[in-house]
Amino acid sequence: MTLTATNSPHAPRVYGPYSQAVSDGKLVFTAGQLPLDPATMEIVPGGIHEQAYAEAFGDHKPARSTVAVAALPRGARVEIDAVAIT
């Protein structure tokens, strides 16, 4: 299996030794993403609804993993990761 790193200018820049996502050509695995506005790299203002971008999924609700932490970086209220098939 060959994995390809993916970095999109439409997503927040990565801080740290990881990729925004990796793909084997069919499956895509994303890193946990904070609700950062890619243009400003600032946390999207508001609560969980504004930070989660649920409208992007339409009727296809994703499975989720939930991890309890004392706090997320930069005061975020949510961090999202995903696995998708292309």
N, C-alpha and C. Protein backbone atom coordinates (compact mmCIF):
# COMPACT_ATOMS: atom_id res chain seq x y z
N MET A 1 0.85 -1.17 0.00
CA MET A 1 0.00 0.00 0.00
C MET A 1 0.89 1.23 0.00
N THR A 2 0.57 2.18 -0.87
CA THR A 2 1.29 3.44 -0.94
C THR A 2 0.41 4.53 -0.37
N LEU A 3 0.91 5.24 0.63
CA LEU A 3 0.15 6.34 1.22
C LEU A 3 0.65 7.67 0.65
N THR A 4 -0.29 8.54 0.34
CA THR A 4 0.02 9.85 -0.19
C THR A 4 -0.47 10.91 0.78
N ALA A 5 0.40 11.82 1.17
CA ALA A 5 0.01 12.92 2.05
C ALA A 5 -0.78 13.94 1.25
N THR A 6 -1.80 14.51 1.87
CA THR A 6 -2.64 15.51 1.24
C THR A 6 -2.63 16.77 2.07
N ASN A 7 -2.43 17.90 1.43
CA ASN A 7 -2.52 19.19 2.08
C ASN A 7 -3.31 20.11 1.18
N SER A 8 -4.37 20.71 1.70
CA SER A 8 -5.24 21.57 0.92
C SER A 8 -5.15 23.01 1.42
N PRO A 9 -5.10 23.98 0.51
CA PRO A 9 -5.14 25.38 0.94
C PRO A 9 -6.51 25.78 1.46
N HIS A 10 -7.52 24.91 1.28
CA HIS A 10 -8.88 25.18 1.76
C HIS A 10 -9.11 24.68 3.18
N ALA A 11 -8.07 24.13 3.78
CA ALA A 11 -8.14 23.65 5.17
C ALA A 11 -7.07 24.37 5.98
N PRO A 12 -7.24 24.41 7.30
CA PRO A 12 -6.23 25.07 8.13
C PRO A 12 -4.86 24.41 7.96
N ARG A 13 -3.80 25.23 8.02
CA ARG A 13 -2.43 24.71 7.95
C ARG A 13 -2.17 23.80 9.14
N VAL A 14 -1.29 22.86 8.95
CA VAL A 14 -0.93 21.89 9.98
C VAL A 14 0.22 22.44 10.82
N TYR A 15 0.09 22.32 12.12
CA TYR A 15 1.19 22.65 13.04
C TYR A 15 1.62 21.36 13.69
N GLY A 16 2.78 20.87 13.35
CA GLY A 16 3.26 19.63 13.93
C GLY A 16 3.69 18.65 12.86
N PRO A 17 4.19 17.51 13.29
CA PRO A 17 4.75 16.51 12.36
C PRO A 17 3.70 15.55 11.81
N TYR A 18 2.68 16.09 11.14
CA TYR A 18 1.65 15.24 10.56
C TYR A 18 1.06 15.93 9.34
N SER A 19 0.26 15.19 8.56
CA SER A 19 -0.39 15.72 7.37
C SER A 19 -1.84 16.04 7.68
N GLN A 20 -2.46 16.89 6.87
CA GLN A 20 -3.89 17.13 7.00
C GLN A 20 -4.64 15.82 6.77
N ALA A 21 -4.15 15.03 5.83
CA ALA A 21 -4.78 13.74 5.52
C ALA A 21 -3.78 12.87 4.77
N VAL A 22 -4.01 11.56 4.79
CA VAL A 22 -3.26 10.63 3.96
C VAL A 22 -4.26 9.74 3.25
N SER A 23 -3.86 9.27 2.06
CA SER A 23 -4.75 8.47 1.23
C SER A 23 -3.97 7.31 0.63
N ASP A 24 -4.66 6.19 0.42
CA ASP A 24 -4.05 5.08 -0.30
C ASP A 24 -4.62 5.00 -1.72
N GLY A 25 -5.29 6.06 -2.14
CA GLY A 25 -5.91 6.09 -3.47
C GLY A 25 -7.40 5.84 -3.41
N LYS A 26 -7.88 5.18 -2.37
CA LYS A 26 -9.31 4.91 -2.22
C LYS A 26 -9.82 5.41 -0.87
N LEU A 27 -9.09 5.12 0.20
CA LEU A 27 -9.46 5.59 1.53
C LEU A 27 -8.68 6.84 1.89
N VAL A 28 -9.35 7.76 2.56
CA VAL A 28 -8.73 8.99 3.04
C VAL A 28 -8.88 9.04 4.55
N PHE A 29 -7.78 9.27 5.25
CA PHE A 29 -7.77 9.38 6.70
C PHE A 29 -7.34 10.80 7.06
N THR A 30 -8.18 11.53 7.79
CA THR A 30 -7.81 12.89 8.15
C THR A 30 -7.24 12.94 9.56
N ALA A 31 -6.43 13.94 9.79
CA ALA A 31 -5.97 14.24 11.15
C ALA A 31 -7.10 14.98 11.86
N GLY A 32 -7.08 14.99 13.16
CA GLY A 32 -8.06 15.79 13.90
C GLY A 32 -7.92 17.25 13.51
N GLN A 33 -9.02 17.88 13.19
CA GLN A 33 -9.00 19.27 12.74
C GLN A 33 -9.72 20.17 13.75
N LEU A 34 -9.04 21.21 14.17
CA LEU A 34 -9.67 22.22 15.00
C LEU A 34 -10.51 23.12 14.10
N PRO A 35 -11.48 23.82 14.65
CA PRO A 35 -12.32 24.71 13.83
C PRO A 35 -11.64 26.03 13.53
N LEU A 36 -10.56 25.95 12.74
CA LEU A 36 -9.83 27.16 12.36
C LEU A 36 -10.29 27.64 11.00
N ASP A 37 -10.45 28.94 10.85
CA ASP A 37 -10.73 29.54 9.56
C ASP A 37 -9.42 29.51 8.77
N PRO A 38 -9.37 28.82 7.62
CA PRO A 38 -8.11 28.72 6.88
C PRO A 38 -7.51 30.06 6.47
N ALA A 39 -8.35 31.07 6.26
CA ALA A 39 -7.84 32.38 5.83
C ALA A 39 -7.14 33.13 6.96
N THR A 40 -7.67 33.01 8.17
CA THR A 40 -7.12 33.78 9.30
C THR A 40 -6.37 32.92 10.31
N MET A 41 -6.57 31.62 10.25
CA MET A 41 -6.00 30.66 11.22
C MET A 41 -6.47 30.97 12.65
N GLU A 42 -7.64 31.60 12.78
CA GLU A 42 -8.25 31.87 14.08
C GLU A 42 -9.42 30.91 14.27
N ILE A 43 -9.72 30.60 15.55
CA ILE A 43 -10.87 29.75 15.87
C ILE A 43 -12.14 30.42 15.36
N VAL A 44 -13.02 29.66 14.72
CA VAL A 44 -14.30 30.17 14.26
C VAL A 44 -15.09 30.59 15.51
N PRO A 45 -15.60 31.82 15.55
CA PRO A 45 -16.33 32.26 16.74
C PRO A 45 -17.66 31.53 16.88
N GLY A 46 -18.13 31.46 18.12
CA GLY A 46 -19.42 30.85 18.39
C GLY A 46 -19.27 29.57 19.17
N GLY A 47 -20.32 28.81 19.19
CA GLY A 47 -20.35 27.57 19.94
C GLY A 47 -20.12 26.35 19.07
N ILE A 48 -20.55 25.21 19.57
CA ILE A 48 -20.33 23.93 18.90
C ILE A 48 -20.96 23.91 17.51
N HIS A 49 -22.14 24.52 17.34
CA HIS A 49 -22.81 24.50 16.03
C HIS A 49 -21.98 25.22 14.98
N GLU A 50 -21.47 26.39 15.29
CA GLU A 50 -20.67 27.15 14.34
C GLU A 50 -19.33 26.48 14.06
N GLN A 51 -18.77 25.80 15.06
CA GLN A 51 -17.45 25.20 14.91
C GLN A 51 -17.46 23.82 14.26
N ALA A 52 -18.60 23.15 14.20
CA ALA A 52 -18.64 21.77 13.70
C ALA A 52 -18.95 21.67 12.20
N TYR A 53 -19.51 22.65 11.53
CA TYR A 53 -19.82 22.64 10.08
C TYR A 53 -20.64 21.42 9.67
N ALA A 54 -21.68 21.13 10.42
CA ALA A 54 -22.51 19.95 10.17
C ALA A 54 -23.19 19.99 8.80
N GLU A 55 -23.45 21.18 8.26
CA GLU A 55 -24.15 21.26 6.97
C GLU A 55 -23.35 20.61 5.84
N ALA A 56 -22.05 20.47 5.99
CA ALA A 56 -21.24 19.85 4.95
C ALA A 56 -21.57 18.37 4.76
N PHE A 57 -22.12 17.74 5.79
CA PHE A 57 -22.42 16.31 5.71
C PHE A 57 -23.82 16.03 5.17
N GLY A 58 -24.71 17.02 5.14
CA GLY A 58 -26.07 16.79 4.68
C GLY A 58 -26.74 15.68 5.50
N ASP A 59 -27.35 14.73 4.81
CA ASP A 59 -28.01 13.62 5.50
C ASP A 59 -27.06 12.50 5.89
N HIS A 60 -25.79 12.59 5.47
CA HIS A 60 -24.81 11.55 5.76
C HIS A 60 -24.07 11.92 7.05
N LYS A 61 -24.59 11.45 8.15
CA LYS A 61 -23.98 11.76 9.44
C LYS A 61 -22.81 10.82 9.69
N PRO A 62 -21.64 11.37 10.00
CA PRO A 62 -20.45 10.53 10.19
C PRO A 62 -20.46 9.84 11.54
N ALA A 63 -19.73 8.73 11.61
CA ALA A 63 -19.43 8.13 12.91
C ALA A 63 -18.50 9.10 13.62
N ARG A 64 -18.41 8.99 14.92
CA ARG A 64 -17.52 9.91 15.60
C ARG A 64 -16.75 9.20 16.69
N SER A 65 -15.61 9.76 16.98
CA SER A 65 -14.85 9.31 18.14
C SER A 65 -14.82 10.49 19.10
N THR A 66 -14.99 10.20 20.37
CA THR A 66 -15.01 11.26 21.38
C THR A 66 -13.96 10.97 22.42
N VAL A 67 -13.12 11.95 22.67
CA VAL A 67 -12.07 11.81 23.66
C VAL A 67 -12.21 12.97 24.63
N ALA A 68 -12.28 12.66 25.90
CA ALA A 68 -12.37 13.72 26.90
C ALA A 68 -10.98 14.26 27.20
N VAL A 69 -10.86 15.58 27.18
CA VAL A 69 -9.61 16.24 27.52
C VAL A 69 -9.94 17.44 28.40
N ALA A 70 -8.95 17.92 29.11
CA ALA A 70 -9.16 19.10 29.94
C ALA A 70 -9.48 20.32 29.08
N ALA A 71 -8.82 20.42 27.92
CA ALA A 71 -9.06 21.53 27.01
C ALA A 71 -8.44 21.22 25.66
N LEU A 72 -9.04 21.74 24.61
CA LEU A 72 -8.47 21.64 23.26
C LEU A 72 -7.58 22.84 23.01
N PRO A 73 -6.65 22.72 22.08
CA PRO A 73 -5.78 23.85 21.78
C PRO A 73 -6.57 25.09 21.36
N ARG A 74 -6.08 26.24 21.75
CA ARG A 74 -6.60 27.55 21.36
C ARG A 74 -8.05 27.77 21.76
N GLY A 75 -8.55 27.03 22.74
CA GLY A 75 -9.91 27.23 23.23
C GLY A 75 -10.99 26.66 22.34
N ALA A 76 -10.64 25.79 21.39
CA ALA A 76 -11.65 25.20 20.50
C ALA A 76 -12.64 24.38 21.31
N ARG A 77 -13.87 24.29 20.82
CA ARG A 77 -14.90 23.48 21.46
C ARG A 77 -15.05 22.11 20.82
N VAL A 78 -14.40 21.91 19.66
CA VAL A 78 -14.54 20.65 18.93
C VAL A 78 -13.27 20.40 18.12
N GLU A 79 -12.93 19.11 17.93
CA GLU A 79 -11.89 18.68 17.00
C GLU A 79 -12.46 17.49 16.27
N ILE A 80 -12.35 17.48 14.95
CA ILE A 80 -12.98 16.44 14.14
C ILE A 80 -11.94 15.71 13.32
N ASP A 81 -12.06 14.35 13.30
CA ASP A 81 -11.26 13.56 12.38
C ASP A 81 -12.22 12.73 11.55
N ALA A 82 -11.73 12.16 10.46
CA ALA A 82 -12.61 11.41 9.56
C ALA A 82 -11.84 10.36 8.77
N VAL A 83 -12.58 9.35 8.31
CA VAL A 83 -12.10 8.37 7.35
C VAL A 83 -13.14 8.38 6.23
N ALA A 84 -12.69 8.53 4.98
CA ALA A 84 -13.62 8.61 3.85
C ALA A 84 -13.14 7.69 2.74
N ILE A 85 -14.07 7.30 1.88
CA ILE A 85 -13.73 6.53 0.70
C ILE A 85 -13.96 7.43 -0.52
N THR A 86 -13.02 7.39 -1.47
CA THR A 86 -13.14 8.25 -2.64
C THR A 86 -13.76 7.51 -3.80
